[in-house]
PDB file of N, CA and C in Angstrom:
ATOM      1  N   MET A   1      13.501 -14.500  -3.348  1.00  0.00           N
ATOM      2  CA  MET A   1      12.250 -15.367  -4.058  1.00  0.00           C
ATOM      3  C   MET A   1      10.996 -14.468  -3.953  1.00  0.00           C
ATOM      4  N   GLY A   2      10.911 -13.774  -2.842  1.00  0.00           N
ATOM      5  CA  GLY A   2       9.667 -12.628  -3.033  1.00  0.00           C
ATOM      6  C   GLY A   2       9.797 -11.678  -4.278  1.00  0.00           C
ATOM      7  N   THR A   3      10.692 -11.200  -4.648  1.00  0.00           N
ATOM      8  CA  THR A   3      10.667 -10.631  -5.699  1.00  0.00           C
ATOM      9  C   THR A   3      10.388 -11.259  -7.181  1.00  0.00           C
ATOM     10  N   ALA A   4      10.915 -12.756  -7.282  1.00  0.00           N
ATOM     11  CA  ALA A   4      10.216 -13.367  -8.448  1.00  0.00           C
ATOM     12  C   ALA A   4       9.236 -13.666  -8.274  1.00  0.00           C
ATOM     13  N   GLY A   5       8.629 -13.892  -7.068  1.00  0.00           N
ATOM     14  CA  GLY A   5       7.026 -14.255  -6.982  1.00  0.00           C
ATOM     15  C   GLY A   5       6.164 -13.186  -7.208  1.00  0.00           C
ATOM     16  N   ALA A   6       6.488 -12.181  -6.841  1.00  0.00           N
ATOM     17  CA  ALA A   6       5.736 -10.900  -7.101  1.00  0.00           C
ATOM     18  C   ALA A   6       5.924 -10.589  -8.640  1.00  0.00           C
ATOM     19  N   ALA A   7       6.984 -10.730  -9.045  1.00  0.00           N
ATOM     20  CA  ALA A   7       7.081 -10.429 -10.551  1.00  0.00           C
ATOM     21  C   ALA A   7       6.298 -11.561 -11.364  1.00  0.00           C
ATOM     22  N   ALA A   8       6.178 -12.926 -10.918  1.00  0.00           N
ATOM     23  CA  ALA A   8       5.357 -13.729 -11.537  1.00  0.00           C
ATOM     24  C   ALA A   8       4.054 -13.458 -11.444  1.00  0.00           C
ATOM     25  N   LEU A   9       3.722 -12.949 -10.449  1.00  0.00           N
ATOM     26  CA  LEU A   9       2.270 -12.608  -9.971  1.00  0.00           C
ATOM     27  C   LEU A   9       1.723 -11.608 -10.924  1.00  0.00           C
ATOM     28  N   ILE A  10       2.579 -10.284 -11.097  1.00  0.00           N
ATOM     29  CA  ILE A  10       2.188  -9.139 -11.845  1.00  0.00           C
ATOM     30  C   ILE A  10       2.078  -9.605 -13.245  1.00  0.00           C
ATOM     31  N   GLY A  11       3.209 -10.429 -14.044  1.00  0.00           N
ATOM     32  CA  GLY A  11       3.257 -10.880 -15.086  1.00  0.00           C
ATOM     33  C   GLY A  11       1.858 -11.720 -15.759  1.00  0.00           C
ATOM     34  N   GLY A  12       1.417 -12.716 -14.321  1.00  0.00           N
ATOM     35  CA  GLY A  12       0.280 -13.547 -14.971  1.00  0.00           C
ATOM     36  C   GLY A  12      -1.048 -12.830 -14.620  1.00  0.00           C
ATOM     37  N   LEU A  13      -0.892 -11.636 -13.913  1.00  0.00           N
ATOM     38  CA  LEU A  13      -2.243 -11.006 -14.028  1.00  0.00           C
ATOM     39  C   LEU A  13      -2.247  -9.906 -15.260  1.00  0.00           C
ATOM     40  N   ILE A  14      -1.040  -9.500 -15.838  1.00  0.00           N
ATOM     41  CA  ILE A  14      -1.113  -8.908 -17.155  1.00  0.00           C
ATOM     42  C   ILE A  14      -1.674  -9.744 -18.301  1.00  0.00           C
ATOM     43  N   ILE A  15      -0.855 -11.142 -18.269  1.00  0.00           N
ATOM     44  CA  ILE A  15      -1.522 -12.168 -19.381  1.00  0.00           C
ATOM     45  C   ILE A  15      -2.898 -12.276 -18.941  1.00  0.00           C
ATOM     46  N   TYR A  16      -3.233 -12.341 -17.799  1.00  0.00           N
ATOM     47  CA  TYR A  16      -4.863 -12.589 -17.749  1.00  0.00           C
ATOM     48  C   TYR A  16      -5.794 -11.505 -18.360  1.00  0.00           C
ATOM     49  N   ASN A  17      -5.345 -10.083 -18.168  1.00  0.00           N
ATOM     50  CA  ASN A  17      -6.020  -9.317 -18.488  1.00  0.00           C
ATOM     51  C   ASN A  17      -5.823  -9.054 -20.007  1.00  0.00           C
ATOM     52  N   LEU A  18      -4.569  -9.585 -20.770  1.00  0.00           N
ATOM     53  CA  LEU A  18      -4.534  -9.428 -22.330  1.00  0.00           C
ATOM     54  C   LEU A  18      -5.771 -10.564 -22.755  1.00  0.00           C
ATOM     55  N   PHE A  19      -5.903 -11.831 -22.187  1.00  0.00           N
ATOM     56  CA  PHE A  19      -7.102 -12.728 -22.396  1.00  0.00           C
ATOM     57  C   PHE A  19      -8.327 -11.971 -22.289  1.00  0.00           C
ATOM     58  N   GLN A  20      -8.314 -11.113 -21.412  1.00  0.00           N
ATOM     59  CA  GLN A  20      -9.684 -10.683 -21.282  1.00  0.00           C
ATOM     60  C   GLN A  20      -9.968  -9.302 -22.128  1.00  0.00           C
ATOM     61  N   TYR A  21      -9.014  -8.522 -22.327  1.00  0.00           N
ATOM     62  CA  TYR A  21      -9.284  -7.197 -23.102  1.00  0.00           C
ATOM     63  C   TYR A  21      -9.124  -7.075 -24.362  1.00  0.00           C
ATOM     64  N   LEU A  22      -8.359  -7.785 -25.002  1.00  0.00           N
ATOM     65  CA  LEU A  22      -7.791  -8.004 -26.290  1.00  0.00           C
ATOM     66  C   LEU A  22      -8.507  -8.136 -27.262  1.00  0.00           C
ATOM     67  N   PRO A  23      -9.586  -9.093 -27.005  1.00  0.00           N
ATOM     68  CA  PRO A  23     -10.869  -9.326 -27.602  1.00  0.00           C
ATOM     69  C   PRO A  23     -12.064  -8.055 -27.836  1.00  0.00           C
ATOM     70  N   THR A  24     -11.848  -7.356 -26.813  1.00  0.00           N
ATOM     71  CA  THR A  24     -12.501  -5.963 -26.828  1.00  0.00           C
ATOM     72  C   THR A  24     -11.925  -5.028 -27.712  1.00  0.00           C
ATOM     73  N   LEU A  25     -10.728  -5.106 -28.106  1.00  0.00           N
ATOM     74  CA  LEU A  25     -10.184  -3.925 -28.708  1.00  0.00           C
ATOM     75  C   LEU A  25      -9.962  -4.378 -30.473  1.00  0.00           C
ATOM     76  N   GLY A  26     -10.903  -5.284 -30.536  1.00  0.00           N
ATOM     77  CA  GLY A  26     -10.569  -5.670 -32.041  1.00  0.00           C
ATOM     78  C   GLY A  26     -10.032  -6.971 -32.469  1.00  0.00           C
ATOM     79  N   VAL A  27      -9.107  -7.434 -31.574  1.00  0.00           N
ATOM     80  CA  VAL A  27      -8.485  -8.771 -31.842  1.00  0.00           C
ATOM     81  C   VAL A  27      -9.613  -9.873 -31.844  1.00  0.00           C
ATOM     82  N   GLU A  28     -10.155 -10.713 -33.074  1.00  0.00           N
ATOM     83  CA  GLU A  28     -10.961 -11.191 -33.098  1.00  0.00           C
ATOM     84  C   GLU A  28     -10.647 -12.689 -32.712  1.00  0.00           C
ATOM     85  N   THR A  29      -9.562 -13.260 -33.292  1.00  0.00           N
ATOM     86  CA  THR A  29      -9.017 -14.703 -33.073  1.00  0.00           C
ATOM     87  C   THR A  29      -8.655 -14.886 -31.913  1.00  0.00           C
ATOM     88  N   ARG A  30      -8.962 -16.397 -31.393  1.00  0.00           N
ATOM     89  CA  ARG A  30      -8.120 -16.608 -30.055  1.00  0.00           C
ATOM     90  C   ARG A  30      -6.920 -16.778 -30.374  1.00  0.00           C
ATOM     91  N   LYS A  31      -6.484 -17.292 -31.482  1.00  0.00           N
ATOM     92  CA  LYS A  31      -5.327 -17.650 -31.856  1.00  0.00           C
ATOM     93  C   LYS A  31      -4.226 -16.346 -31.806  1.00  0.00           C
ATOM     94  N   THR A  32      -4.797 -15.399 -32.063  1.00  0.00           N
ATOM     95  CA  THR A  32      -3.880 -14.297 -32.590  1.00  0.00           C
ATOM     96  C   THR A  32      -4.038 -13.664 -30.684  1.00  0.00           C
ATOM     97  N   VAL A  33      -4.770 -13.725 -29.897  1.00  0.00           N
ATOM     98  CA  VAL A  33      -4.818 -13.381 -28.423  1.00  0.00           C
ATOM     99  C   VAL A  33      -3.701 -14.143 -27.879  1.00  0.00           C
ATOM    100  N   THR A  34      -3.765 -15.566 -28.158  1.00  0.00           N
ATOM    101  CA  THR A  34      -2.733 -16.353 -27.548  1.00  0.00           C
ATOM    102  C   THR A  34      -1.229 -16.121 -27.955  1.00  0.00           C
ATOM    103  N   ILE A  35      -1.121 -15.614 -29.043  1.00  0.00           N
ATOM    104  CA  ILE A  35       0.468 -15.440 -29.844  1.00  0.00           C
ATOM    105  C   ILE A  35       0.535 -14.263 -28.906  1.00  0.00           C
ATOM    106  N   VAL A  36      -0.194 -13.103 -28.833  1.00  0.00           N
ATOM    107  CA  VAL A  36       0.488 -12.155 -28.323  1.00  0.00           C
ATOM    108  C   VAL A  36       0.800 -11.887 -26.850  1.00  0.00           C
ATOM    109  N   ALA A  37      -0.110 -12.756 -26.154  1.00  0.00           N
ATOM    110  CA  ALA A  37       0.180 -12.994 -24.641  1.00  0.00           C
ATOM    111  C   ALA A  37       1.435 -13.923 -24.357  1.00  0.00           C
ATOM    112  N   ALA A  38       1.556 -14.879 -25.600  1.00  0.00           N
ATOM    113  CA  ALA A  38       2.660 -15.589 -25.300  1.00  0.00           C
ATOM    114  C   ALA A  38       4.192 -15.064 -25.539  1.00  0.00           C
ATOM    115  N   VAL A  39       3.805 -13.682 -26.466  1.00  0.00           N
ATOM    116  CA  VAL A  39       5.295 -13.141 -26.601  1.00  0.00           C
ATOM    117  C   VAL A  39       5.340 -12.218 -25.859  1.00  0.00           C
ATOM    118  N   PHE A  40       4.041 -11.443 -25.320  1.00  0.00           N
ATOM    119  CA  PHE A  40       4.383 -10.905 -23.979  1.00  0.00           C
ATOM    120  C   PHE A  40       5.092 -11.647 -22.846  1.00  0.00           C
ATOM    121  N   GLY A  41       4.424 -12.851 -22.550  1.00  0.00           N
ATOM    122  CA  GLY A  41       5.252 -13.528 -21.534  1.00  0.00           C
ATOM    123  C   GLY A  41       6.481 -13.877 -21.569  1.00  0.00           C
ATOM    124  N   VAL A  42       6.976 -14.079 -22.800  1.00  0.00           N
ATOM    125  CA  VAL A  42       8.443 -14.692 -23.334  1.00  0.00           C
ATOM    126  C   VAL A  42       9.293 -13.267 -22.652  1.00  0.00           C
ATOM    127  N   VAL A  43       8.617 -11.981 -23.392  1.00  0.00           N
ATOM    128  CA  VAL A  43       9.479 -10.723 -23.346  1.00  0.00           C
ATOM    129  C   VAL A  43       9.474 -10.405 -21.905  1.00  0.00           C
ATOM    130  N   TYR A  44       8.803 -10.399 -21.256  1.00  0.00           N
ATOM    131  CA  TYR A  44       8.645 -10.255 -19.823  1.00  0.00           C
ATOM    132  C   TYR A  44       9.390 -11.034 -18.703  1.00  0.00           C
ATOM    133  N   VAL A  45       9.189 -12.288 -19.116  1.00  0.00           N
ATOM    134  CA  VAL A  45      10.463 -13.096 -18.524  1.00  0.00           C
ATOM    135  C   VAL A  45      11.822 -12.781 -18.575  1.00  0.00           C
ATOM    136  N   LEU A  46      12.265 -12.711 -19.844  1.00  0.00           N
ATOM    137  CA  LEU A  46      13.376 -12.349 -20.009  1.00  0.00           C
ATOM    138  C   LEU A  46      13.758 -10.604 -19.482  1.00  0.00           C
ATOM    139  N   PHE A  47      12.694  -9.918 -19.402  1.00  0.00           N
ATOM    140  CA  PHE A  47      13.031  -8.649 -18.645  1.00  0.00           C
ATOM    141  C   PHE A  47      13.431  -8.657 -17.300  1.00  0.00           C
ATOM    142  N   VAL A  48      12.401  -9.667 -16.829  1.00  0.00           N
ATOM    143  CA  VAL A  48      12.751  -9.732 -15.155  1.00  0.00           C
ATOM    144  C   VAL A  48      14.020 -10.668 -14.991  1.00  0.00           C
ATOM    145  N   TYR A  49      14.137 -11.316 -15.633  1.00  0.00           N
ATOM    146  CA  TYR A  49      15.486 -12.229 -15.735  1.00  0.00           C
ATOM    147  C   TYR A  49      16.726 -11.353 -15.881  1.00  0.00           C
ATOM    148  N   TRP A  50      16.699 -10.476 -16.732  1.00  0.00           N
ATOM    149  CA  TRP A  50      17.649  -9.582 -16.741  1.00  0.00           C
ATOM    150  C   TRP A  50      17.751  -8.541 -15.570  1.00  0.00           C
ATOM    151  N   LEU A  51      16.654  -8.107 -15.353  1.00  0.00           N
ATOM    152  CA  LEU A  51      16.635  -7.090 -13.969  1.00  0.00           C
ATOM    153  C   LEU A  51      16.884  -7.602 -12.743  1.00  0.00           C
ATOM    154  N   MET A  52      16.634  -8.839 -12.642  1.00  0.00           N
ATOM    155  CA  MET A  52      16.871  -9.468 -11.256  1.00  0.00           C
ATOM    156  C   MET A  52      18.532  -9.686 -11.173  1.00  0.00           C
ATOM    157  N   ASN A  53      18.922  -9.936 -12.289  1.00  0.00           N
ATOM    158  CA  ASN A  53      20.411 -10.690 -12.146  1.00  0.00           C
ATOM    159  C   ASN A  53      21.523  -9.784 -12.554  1.00  0.00           C
ATOM    160  N   ARG A  54      21.126  -8.494 -12.523  1.00  0.00           N
ATOM    161  CA  ARG A  54      22.160  -7.355 -12.694  1.00  0.00           C
ATOM    162  C   ARG A  54      22.996  -7.551 -11.457  1.00  0.00           C
ATOM    163  N   SER A  55      24.050  -7.082 -11.540  1.00  0.00           N
ATOM    164  CA  SER A  55      25.121  -7.101 -10.584  1.00  0.00           C
ATOM    165  C   SER A  55      24.958  -6.263  -9.421  1.00  0.00           C
ATOM    166  N   THR A  56      24.557  -4.892  -9.856  1.00  0.00           N
ATOM    167  CA  THR A  56      24.080  -3.852  -8.741  1.00  0.00           C
ATOM    168  C   THR A  56      22.947  -4.240  -8.075  1.00  0.00           C
ATOM    169  N   ASN A  57      22.077  -5.227  -8.481  1.00  0.00           N
ATOM    170  CA  ASN A  57      21.083  -5.528  -7.372  1.00  0.00           C
ATOM    171  C   ASN A  57      21.491  -6.566  -6.577  1.00  0.00           C
ATOM    172  N   ALA A  58      22.188  -7.649  -6.821  1.00  0.00           N
ATOM    173  CA  ALA A  58      22.799  -8.420  -5.844  1.00  0.00           C
ATOM    174  C   ALA A  58      23.404  -7.933  -5.121  1.00  0.00           C
ATOM    175  N   GLU A  59      24.457  -6.644  -5.254  1.00  0.00           N
ATOM    176  CA  GLU A  59      25.142  -6.176  -4.380  1.00  0.00           C
ATOM    177  C   GLU A  59      24.486  -5.359  -3.195  1.00  0.00           C
ATOM    178  N   PHE A  60      23.459  -4.687  -3.837  1.00  0.00           N
ATOM    179  CA  PHE A  60      22.273  -4.229  -3.028  1.00  0.00           C
ATOM    180  C   PHE A  60      21.688  -5.010  -1.923  1.00  0.00           C
ATOM    181  N   MET A  61      21.278  -6.332  -2.454  1.00  0.00           N
ATOM    182  CA  MET A  61      21.015  -7.319  -1.667  1.00  0.00           C
ATOM    183  C   MET A  61      21.901  -7.716  -0.374  1.00  0.00           C
ATOM    184  N   ILE A  62      23.133  -8.076  -1.044  1.00  0.00           N
ATOM    185  CA  ILE A  62      24.026  -8.253  -0.138  1.00  0.00           C
ATOM    186  C   ILE A  62      24.545  -7.405   0.991  1.00  0.00           C
ATOM    187  N   ALA A  63      24.447  -6.020   0.583  1.00  0.00           N
ATOM    188  CA  ALA A  63      24.685  -4.985   1.772  1.00  0.00           C
ATOM    189  C   ALA A  63      23.550  -4.656   2.180  1.00  0.00           C
ATOM    190  N   THR A  64      22.144  -4.879   2.084  1.00  0.00           N
ATOM    191  CA  THR A  64      21.066  -4.875   2.631  1.00  0.00           C
ATOM    192  C   THR A  64      20.750  -6.042   4.009  1.00  0.00           C
ATOM    193  N   ASP A  65      21.387  -7.258   3.517  1.00  0.00           N
ATOM    194  CA  ASP A  65      21.563  -8.295   4.480  1.00  0.00           C
ATOM    195  C   ASP A  65      22.597  -7.857   5.557  1.00  0.00           C
ATOM    196  N   SER A  66      23.581  -7.454   5.084  1.00  0.00           N
ATOM    197  CA  SER A  66      24.708  -6.961   6.141  1.00  0.00           C
ATOM    198  C   SER A  66      24.251  -6.274   7.221  1.00  0.00           C
ATOM    199  N   GLU A  67      23.540  -5.167   6.815  1.00  0.00           N
ATOM    200  CA  GLU A  67      22.695  -4.108   7.550  1.00  0.00           C
ATOM    201  C   GLU A  67      21.826  -4.428   8.360  1.00  0.00           C
ATOM    202  N   MET A  68      21.232  -5.331   7.682  1.00  0.00           N
ATOM    203  CA  MET A  68      20.042  -6.086   9.069  1.00  0.00           C
ATOM    204  C   MET A  68      20.695  -7.122   9.830  1.00  0.00           C
ATOM    205  N   LYS A  69      21.616  -7.493   9.777  1.00  0.00           N
ATOM    206  CA  LYS A  69      22.321  -8.190  10.776  1.00  0.00           C
ATOM    207  C   LYS A  69      22.878  -7.068  11.985  1.00  0.00           C
ATOM    208  N   LYS A  70      23.069  -5.724  11.415  1.00  0.00           N
ATOM    209  CA  LYS A  70      23.553  -4.718  12.501  1.00  0.00           C
ATOM    210  C   LYS A  70      22.470  -4.098  13.355  1.00  0.00           C
ATOM    211  N   VAL A  71      21.298  -4.262  12.805  1.00  0.00           N
ATOM    212  CA  VAL A  71      19.993  -3.717  13.559  1.00  0.00           C
ATOM    213  C   VAL A  71      20.110  -4.251  15.008  1.00  0.00           C
ATOM    214  N   ASN A  72      19.606  -3.668  15.687  1.00  0.00           N
ATOM    215  CA  ASN A  72      19.189  -3.475  17.045  1.00  0.00           C
ATOM    216  C   ASN A  72      17.763  -3.986  17.328  1.00  0.00           C
ATOM    217  N   TRP A  73      17.313  -4.941  17.683  1.00  0.00           N
ATOM    218  CA  TRP A  73      15.954  -5.275  17.820  1.00  0.00           C
ATOM    219  C   TRP A  73      15.397  -4.778  19.006  1.00  0.00           C
ATOM    220  N   THR A  74      14.458  -4.724  19.067  1.00  0.00           N
ATOM    221  CA  THR A  74      13.822  -4.208  20.890  1.00  0.00           C
ATOM    222  C   THR A  74      13.413  -5.542  21.149  1.00  0.00           C
ATOM    223  N   SER A  75      13.445  -5.534  22.529  1.00  0.00           N
ATOM    224  CA  SER A  75      12.878  -6.573  23.483  1.00  0.00           C
ATOM    225  C   SER A  75      11.122  -6.981  23.290  1.00  0.00           C
ATOM    226  N   ARG A  76      10.689  -7.779  23.629  1.00  0.00           N
ATOM    227  CA  ARG A  76       9.098  -7.902  23.644  1.00  0.00           C
ATOM    228  C   ARG A  76       8.563  -6.896  24.465  1.00  0.00           C
ATOM    229  N   LYS A  77       9.204  -6.529  25.650  1.00  0.00           N
ATOM    230  CA  LYS A  77       8.719  -5.576  26.791  1.00  0.00           C
ATOM    231  C   LYS A  77       8.687  -4.330  26.253  1.00  0.00           C
ATOM    232  N   GLU A  78       9.851  -4.169  25.474  1.00  0.00           N
ATOM    233  CA  GLU A  78      10.125  -2.736  25.087  1.00  0.00           C
ATOM    234  C   GLU A  78       9.180  -2.396  24.054  1.00  0.00           C
ATOM    235  N   LEU A  79       8.911  -3.317  23.293  1.00  0.00           N
ATOM    236  CA  LEU A  79       7.851  -3.218  22.220  1.00  0.00           C
ATOM    237  C   LEU A  79       6.317  -2.909  22.752  1.00  0.00           C
ATOM    238  N   ILE A  80       6.168  -3.727  23.603  1.00  0.00           N
ATOM    239  CA  ILE A  80       4.644  -3.502  24.231  1.00  0.00           C
ATOM    240  C   ILE A  80       4.775  -2.259  25.198  1.00  0.00           C
ATOM    241  N   GLY A  81       5.605  -1.893  25.708  1.00  0.00           N
ATOM    242  CA  GLY A  81       5.926  -0.711  26.252  1.00  0.00           C
ATOM    243  C   GLY A  81       5.683   0.683  25.289  1.00  0.00           C
ATOM    244  N   SER A  82       6.175   0.549  24.383  1.00  0.00           N
ATOM    245  CA  SER A  82       6.096   1.623  23.567  1.00  0.00           C
ATOM    246  C   SER A  82       4.731   1.615  22.887  1.00  0.00           C
ATOM    247  N   THR A  83       4.167   0.603  22.264  1.00  0.00           N
ATOM    248  CA  THR A  83       2.758   0.349  21.651  1.00  0.00           C
ATOM    249  C   THR A  83       1.688   0.883  22.684  1.00  0.00           C
ATOM    250  N   ARG A  84       2.171   0.750  24.098  1.00  0.00           N
ATOM    251  CA  ARG A  84       1.007   1.325  24.867  1.00  0.00           C
ATOM    252  C   ARG A  84       1.080   2.514  24.695  1.00  0.00           C
ATOM    253  N   VAL A  85       2.349   3.331  24.996  1.00  0.00           N
ATOM    254  CA  VAL A  85       2.558   4.691  24.894  1.00  0.00           C
ATOM    255  C   VAL A  85       2.047   5.254  23.459  1.00  0.00           C
ATOM    256  N   VAL A  86       2.000   4.871  22.581  1.00  0.00           N
ATOM    257  CA  VAL A  86       1.375   5.222  21.240  1.00  0.00           C
ATOM    258  C   VAL A  86       0.017   4.971  21.573  1.00  0.00           C
ATOM    259  N   VAL A  87      -0.909   4.051  21.862  1.00  0.00           N
ATOM    260  CA  VAL A  87      -1.974   3.796  21.606  1.00  0.00           C
ATOM    261  C   VAL A  87      -2.787   4.847  22.942  1.00  0.00           C
ATOM    262  N   VAL A  88      -2.180   5.191  23.956  1.00  0.00           N
ATOM    263  CA  VAL A  88      -2.614   6.102  25.111  1.00  0.00           C
ATOM    264  C   VAL A  88      -2.659   7.640  24.541  1.00  0.00           C
ATOM    265  N   PHE A  89      -1.359   7.719  23.831  1.00  0.00           N
ATOM    266  CA  PHE A  89      -1.263   9.166  23.212  1.00  0.00           C
ATOM    267  C   PHE A  89      -2.197   9.138  21.981  1.00  0.00           C
ATOM    268  N   MET A  90      -2.538   8.320  21.208  1.00  0.00           N
ATOM    269  CA  MET A  90      -3.486   8.491  20.184  1.00  0.00           C
ATOM    270  C   MET A  90      -5.098   8.652  20.454  1.00  0.00           C
ATOM    271  N   ILE A  91      -5.300   8.059  21.871  1.00  0.00           N
ATOM    272  CA  ILE A  91      -6.665   8.163  22.536  1.00  0.00           C
ATOM    273  C   ILE A  91      -6.628   9.449  22.945  1.00  0.00           C
ATOM    274  N   LEU A  92      -5.514  10.035  23.734  1.00  0.00           N
ATOM    275  CA  LEU A  92      -5.592  11.519  24.272  1.00  0.00           C
ATOM    276  C   LEU A  92      -5.909  12.352  22.902  1.00  0.00           C
ATOM    277  N   ILE A  93      -5.094  12.541  22.105  1.00  0.00           N
ATOM    278  CA  ILE A  93      -5.236  13.533  20.777  1.00  0.00           C
ATOM    279  C   ILE A  93      -6.843  13.310  20.241  1.00  0.00           C
ATOM    280  N   ALA A  94      -7.286  12.253  20.558  1.00  0.00           N
ATOM    281  CA  ALA A  94      -8.451  11.915  19.624  1.00  0.00           C
ATOM    282  C   ALA A  94      -9.475  12.774  20.615  1.00  0.00           C
ATOM    283  N   ILE A  95      -9.298  12.632  21.788  1.00  0.00           N
ATOM    284  CA  ILE A  95     -10.354  13.248  22.807  1.00  0.00           C
ATOM    285  C   ILE A  95      -9.830  14.602  22.800  1.00  0.00           C
ATOM    286  N   ILE A  96      -8.851  15.215  22.642  1.00  0.00           N
ATOM    287  CA  ILE A  96      -8.421  16.665  22.651  1.00  0.00           C
ATOM    288  C   ILE A  96      -9.273  17.126  21.187  1.00  0.00           C
ATOM    289  N   LEU A  97      -8.901  16.630  20.132  1.00  0.00           N
ATOM    290  CA  LEU A  97      -9.583  17.103  19.107  1.00  0.00           C
ATOM    291  C   LEU A  97     -10.846  17.158  19.052  1.00  0.00           C
ATOM    292  N   PHE A  98     -11.462  15.975  19.695  1.00  0.00           N
ATOM    293  CA  PHE A  98     -13.017  15.997  19.722  1.00  0.00           C
ATOM    294  C   PHE A  98     -13.347  17.304  20.714  1.00  0.00           C
ATOM    295  N   VAL A  99     -13.015  17.708  21.827  1.00  0.00           N
ATOM    296  CA  VAL A  99     -13.308  18.546  22.576  1.00  0.00           C
ATOM    297  C   VAL A  99     -13.320  19.816  21.813  1.00  0.00           C
ATOM    298  N   ILE A 100     -11.940  20.154  20.922  1.00  0.00           N
ATOM    299  CA  ILE A 100     -11.929  21.345  20.451  1.00  0.00           C
ATOM    300  C   ILE A 100     -13.004  21.700  19.290  1.00  0.00           C
ATOM    301  N   ASP A 101     -13.424  20.243  18.801  1.00  0.00           N
ATOM    302  CA  ASP A 101     -14.193  20.463  17.490  1.00  0.00           C
ATOM    303  C   ASP A 101     -15.430  20.950  18.184  1.00  0.00           C
ATOM    304  N   VAL A 102     -16.160  20.294  19.352  1.00  0.00           N
ATOM    305  CA  VAL A 102     -17.106  20.313  19.913  1.00  0.00           C
ATOM    306  C   VAL A 102     -17.366  22.338  20.230  1.00  0.00           C
ATOM    307  N   LEU A 103     -16.260  22.768  20.819  1.00  0.00           N
ATOM    308  CA  LEU A 103     -16.213  24.002  21.228  1.00  0.00           C
ATOM    309  C   LEU A 103     -16.313  24.877  20.245  1.00  0.00           C
ATOM    310  N   PHE A 104     -15.807  24.503  18.851  1.00  0.00           N
ATOM    311  CA  PHE A 104     -15.909  25.493  17.919  1.00  0.00           C
ATOM    312  C   PHE A 104     -17.050  25.203  17.143  1.00  0.00           C
ATOM    313  N   GLN A 105     -17.821  24.020  17.278  1.00  0.00           N
ATOM    314  CA  GLN A 105     -19.053  23.814  16.766  1.00  0.00           C
ATOM    315  C   GLN A 105     -20.018  24.647  17.736  1.00  0.00           C
ATOM    316  N   THR A 106     -19.969  24.638  18.570  1.00  0.00           N
ATOM    317  CA  THR A 106     -20.973  25.662  19.732  1.00  0.00           C
ATOM    318  C   THR A 106     -20.562  27.149  19.449  1.00  0.00           C
ATOM    319  N   PHE A 107     -19.328  27.410  19.232  1.00  0.00           N
ATOM    320  CA  PHE A 107     -18.988  28.782  19.134  1.00  0.00           C
ATOM    321  C   PHE A 107     -19.959  29.294  17.876  1.00  0.00           C
ATOM    322  N   PHE A 108     -19.530  28.629  16.808  1.00  0.00           N
ATOM    323  CA  PHE A 108     -20.174  29.152  15.484  1.00  0.00           C
ATOM    324  C   PHE A 108     -21.655  28.711  15.389  1.00  0.00           C
ATOM    325  N   TYR A 109     -22.316  28.092  16.329  1.00  0.00           N
ATOM    326  CA  TYR A 109     -23.494  27.882  16.338  1.00  0.00           C
ATOM    327  C   TYR A 109     -24.125  29.403  17.162  1.00  0.00           C
ATOM    328  N   MET A 110     -23.568  29.557  18.235  1.00  0.00           N
ATOM    329  CA  MET A 110     -23.885  30.777  18.809  1.00  0.00           C
ATOM    330  C   MET A 110     -23.902  32.173  18.097  1.00  0.00           C
ATOM    331  N   ILE A 111     -23.008  32.317  17.200  1.00  0.00           N
ATOM    332  CA  ILE A 111     -22.716  33.591  16.666  1.00  0.00           C
ATOM    333  C   ILE A 111     -23.431  33.280  15.250  1.00  0.00           C
ATOM    334  N   ASP A 112     -24.331  32.340  15.115  1.00  0.00           N
ATOM    335  CA  ASP A 112     -25.112  32.266  14.072  1.00  0.00           C
ATOM    336  C   ASP A 112     -24.653  32.025  12.747  1.00  0.00           C
ATOM    337  N   VAL A 113     -23.086  31.184  12.973  1.00  0.00           N
ATOM    338  CA  VAL A 113     -22.625  30.761  11.301  1.00  0.00           C
ATOM    339  C   VAL A 113     -23.318  29.524  11.048  1.00  0.00           C
ATOM    340  N   LEU A 114     -23.125  28.796  11.802  1.00  0.00           N
ATOM    341  CA  LEU A 114     -23.791  27.211  11.748  1.00  0.00           C
ATOM    342  C   LEU A 114     -25.553  27.072  12.565  1.00  0.00           C
ATOM    343  N   LYS A 115     -26.256  26.757  11.354  1.00  0.00           N
ATOM    344  CA  LYS A 115     -27.674  26.871  11.636  1.00  0.00           C
ATOM    345  C   LYS A 115     -28.164  25.603  12.297  1.00  0.00           C
ATOM    346  N   VAL A 116     -27.265  24.653  12.168  1.00  0.00           N
ATOM    347  CA  VAL A 116     -27.652  23.349  12.925  1.00  0.00           C
ATOM    348  C   VAL A 116     -26.635  23.210  14.227  1.00  0.00           C
ATOM    349  N   PRO A 117     -27.799  23.048  15.401  1.00  0.00           N
ATOM    350  CA  PRO A 117     -27.191  22.930  16.746  1.00  0.00           C
ATOM    351  C   PRO A 117     -26.357  21.758  16.962  1.00  0.00           C
ATOM    352  N   PRO A 118     -25.441  21.891  17.995  1.00  0.00           N
ATOM    353  CA  PRO A 118     -24.437  20.735  18.257  1.00  0.00           C
ATOM    354  C   PRO A 118     -25.240  19.529  18.551  1.00  0.00           C
ATOM    355  N   PHE A 119     -24.629  18.529  18.593  1.00  0.00           N
ATOM    356  CA  PHE A 119     -25.387  17.375  19.041  1.00  0.00           C
ATOM    357  C   PHE A 119     -26.040  17.229  20.596  1.00  0.00           C
ATOM    358  N   PHE A 120     -25.325  18.082  21.417  1.00  0.00           N
ATOM    359  CA  PHE A 120     -25.770  18.129  22.759  1.00  0.00           C
ATOM    360  C   PHE A 120     -26.750  18.968  23.167  1.00  0.00           C
ATOM    361  N   ILE A 121     -27.110  20.008  22.031  1.00  0.00           N
ATOM    362  CA  ILE A 121     -27.965  21.320  22.483  1.00  0.00           C
ATOM    363  C   ILE A 121     -29.542  20.888  21.830  1.00  0.00           C
ATOM    364  N   LYS A 122     -30.288  20.660  22.478  1.00  0.00           N
ATOM    365  CA  LYS A 122     -31.609  20.483  21.903  1.00  0.00           C
ATOM    366  C   LYS A 122     -32.247  21.758  21.210  1.00  0.00           C
ATOM    367  N   GLY A 123     -32.463  21.743  19.840  1.00  0.00           N
ATOM    368  CA  GLY A 123     -32.858  22.833  19.353  1.00  0.00           C
ATOM    369  C   GLY A 123     -33.984  22.852  18.437  1.00  0.00           C
TER     370      GLY A 123
END
């Protein structure tokens, strides 16, 4: 259902753009624009129907469903604990990178490579 919805959204947006931009490409009459958009819509629907109903796609979806049943989902407690570890690690990495950046900035200012002083030196 999600694939069909996404295909419908994409097809609708393409048809909308055909209505908007075909007149700028020299197609004068509204009837011609409507015919082009309708032909595209029919061809697009047939293509999407053919693509979605191929046997290989159906087999893939069945295999995916069976694999999803085998997944061992984590508990809420494990998920919250893992999230905390990631957040703390990212904050520590950000602090470490900030300190290294300030050290390099100060070093390059002292050897006159940078002409603008670091933010903590009044110059």
